[in-house]
Amino acid sequence: MHPQSSASVGRRKTAVARVILTPGSGKITINKKPLEQFFPLETLRHDVVKPLEVTQSAGKYDVRVNVEGGGTTGQAGAIRLSIARALVSLNEENRAPLRAAGFMTRDPRMVERKKYGQKKARKRFQFSKR
C-alpha cells in the first residue's frame, strides 16, 4: 500500500464497504466499475462523493471500493462512511467538518425482524371480533 494511502471499513444496514484511498486524480472505482456505472442514480453518486467535497479533497485521491450485501442505498451509505473514516485516518483535521456534516456516525437502523403470528414485523392479520 502507498505510504499516504488509507484503508477503512464502513457499514450501513447489511452492506459492508471496504475502501482504499490513494493519492491520485480523483478516480472512483466500485467493484471494478466506474462510479457512474455502479450507481446510475445521481442522488446515490452525490452521497458517495460528499465526504470528499466537504474536506476539499475531491480531485486529490483515487478511491477503490469493494462493497457487498444490502441494496443500493445501504451500499452508498456504507461507502460514504468508509470514505469519511479513511479521510480522517489520513488527516486528523478532517474529523471536525466530517463530524459536523454527520458523516462519521454509523447509522444503527436495521430491518426489524418478522414476528410469528403476524404478517410482517408490525402488521397484524385482520382482527375479527365475531
Protein backbone atom coordinates (compact mmCIF):
# COMPACT_ATOMS: atom_id res chain seq x y z
CA MET A 1 0.00 0.00 0.00
CA HIS A 2 1.14 3.55 -0.82
CA PRO A 3 2.62 5.43 2.22
CA GLN A 4 -0.02 8.20 2.04
CA SER A 5 -2.90 5.80 1.37
CA SER A 6 -5.52 4.70 3.84
CA ALA A 7 -7.93 1.77 4.13
CA SER A 8 -11.17 1.65 6.12
CA VAL A 9 -14.46 -0.19 6.52
CA GLY A 10 -17.98 1.29 6.54
CA ARG A 11 -21.30 -0.40 7.22
CA ARG A 12 -24.95 0.55 6.72
CA LYS A 13 -27.93 -1.84 7.14
CA THR A 14 -26.45 -5.12 5.83
CA ALA A 15 -23.97 -3.55 3.38
CA VAL A 16 -20.22 -3.63 4.06
CA ALA A 17 -17.82 -1.37 2.13
CA ARG A 18 -14.04 -1.63 2.18
CA VAL A 19 -12.30 1.48 0.83
CA ILE A 20 -8.68 2.22 -0.11
CA LEU A 21 -7.76 5.89 -0.66
CA THR A 22 -4.55 6.56 -2.61
CA PRO A 23 -3.21 9.93 -3.78
CA GLY A 24 -4.32 10.41 -7.39
CA SER A 25 -6.58 12.21 -9.81
CA GLY A 26 -9.97 11.58 -8.18
CA LYS A 27 -11.00 8.36 -9.94
CA ILE A 28 -13.65 6.38 -8.04
CA THR A 29 -13.92 2.64 -8.75
CA ILE A 30 -16.55 0.46 -7.07
CA ASN A 31 -16.30 -3.32 -7.51
CA LYS A 32 -14.01 -2.68 -10.54
CA LYS A 33 -16.66 -0.48 -12.20
CA PRO A 34 -16.65 3.33 -12.51
CA LEU A 35 -18.90 5.25 -10.08
CA GLU A 36 -21.33 6.32 -12.86
CA GLN A 37 -21.84 2.70 -13.95
CA PHE A 38 -22.24 1.26 -10.43
CA PHE A 39 -24.69 3.93 -9.19
CA PRO A 40 -26.96 5.06 -12.05
CA LEU A 41 -28.89 7.37 -9.66
CA GLU A 42 -27.47 10.88 -9.25
CA THR A 43 -28.53 11.08 -5.59
CA LEU A 44 -26.51 7.99 -4.62
CA ARG A 45 -23.45 9.19 -6.57
CA HIS A 46 -23.68 12.52 -4.78
CA ASP A 47 -23.95 10.70 -1.42
CA VAL A 48 -20.70 8.83 -2.12
CA VAL A 49 -18.59 11.89 -3.10
CA LYS A 50 -19.96 14.23 -0.38
CA PRO A 51 -17.19 13.49 2.22
CA LEU A 52 -14.55 14.36 -0.40
CA GLU A 53 -16.34 17.65 -1.22
CA VAL A 54 -16.72 18.62 2.45
CA THR A 55 -12.96 18.21 3.04
CA GLN A 56 -11.99 19.87 -0.30
CA SER A 57 -10.13 16.72 -1.41
CA ALA A 58 -12.29 15.89 -4.44
CA GLY A 59 -9.54 15.60 -7.07
CA LYS A 60 -6.71 14.56 -4.75
CA TYR A 61 -7.43 10.88 -4.09
CA ASP A 62 -8.26 7.78 -6.10
CA VAL A 63 -10.93 5.73 -4.35
CA ARG A 64 -11.03 1.95 -4.70
CA VAL A 65 -14.09 0.29 -3.15
CA ASN A 66 -15.20 -3.28 -2.52
CA VAL A 67 -18.82 -3.38 -1.41
CA GLU A 68 -21.16 -6.30 -0.72
CA GLY A 69 -24.53 -7.01 0.86
CA GLY A 70 -27.62 -4.86 1.16
CA GLY A 71 -29.23 -2.75 -1.54
CA THR A 72 -28.09 0.32 -3.43
CA THR A 73 -28.95 2.85 -0.69
CA GLY A 74 -27.26 0.79 2.03
CA GLN A 75 -24.18 0.34 -0.12
CA ALA A 76 -23.95 4.07 -0.86
CA GLY A 77 -24.23 4.82 2.87
CA ALA A 78 -21.55 2.26 3.71
CA ILE A 79 -19.18 3.72 1.10
CA ARG A 80 -19.81 7.26 2.40
CA LEU A 81 -18.90 6.23 5.96
CA SER A 82 -15.77 4.34 4.93
CA ILE A 83 -14.51 7.23 2.76
CA ALA A 84 -15.06 9.61 5.70
CA ARG A 85 -13.15 7.28 8.04
CA ALA A 86 -10.29 6.94 5.55
CA LEU A 87 -10.04 10.74 5.17
CA VAL A 88 -9.79 11.11 8.96
CA SER A 89 -7.05 8.47 9.21
CA LEU A 90 -5.10 10.39 6.52
CA ASN A 91 -5.55 13.79 8.17
CA GLU A 92 -6.99 14.30 11.66
CA GLU A 93 -8.08 17.88 10.73
CA ASN A 94 -10.80 16.36 8.54
CA ARG A 95 -12.65 14.97 11.57
CA ALA A 96 -14.42 18.21 12.63
CA PRO A 97 -16.01 19.10 9.25
CA LEU A 98 -17.00 15.46 8.59
CA ARG A 99 -18.48 15.14 12.09
CA ALA A 100 -20.41 18.41 11.57
CA ALA A 101 -21.80 17.08 8.27
CA GLY A 102 -22.84 13.86 10.05
CA PHE A 103 -20.59 11.51 8.04
CA MET A 104 -18.74 9.95 10.99
CA THR A 105 -21.77 8.29 12.58
CA ARG A 106 -22.64 4.66 11.81
CA ASP A 107 -26.38 4.57 11.06
CA PRO A 108 -27.68 1.98 13.57
CA ARG A 109 -31.09 1.47 11.94
CA MET A 110 -31.64 -2.14 10.86
CA VAL A 111 -34.64 -4.01 9.47
CA GLU A 112 -36.92 -5.22 12.26
CA ARG A 113 -37.50 -8.97 12.18
CA LYS A 114 -40.83 -10.53 11.28
CA LYS A 115 -42.71 -11.91 14.30
CA TYR A 116 -44.60 -15.22 14.24
CA GLY A 117 -48.39 -14.95 14.09
CA GLN A 118 -48.07 -11.67 12.20
CA LYS A 119 -47.94 -10.64 8.57
CA LYS A 120 -44.79 -8.52 8.91
CA ALA A 121 -42.70 -7.03 11.72
CA ARG A 122 -45.57 -4.87 12.98
CA LYS A 123 -48.53 -5.51 10.67
CA ARG A 124 -51.10 -7.90 12.15
CA PHE A 125 -53.66 -10.12 10.49
CA GLN A 126 -57.15 -8.60 10.42
CA PHE A 127 -58.89 -8.87 13.79
CA SER A 128 -62.48 -10.04 13.80
CA LYS A 129 -64.50 -9.72 16.98
CA ARG A 130 -67.20 -12.06 15.67
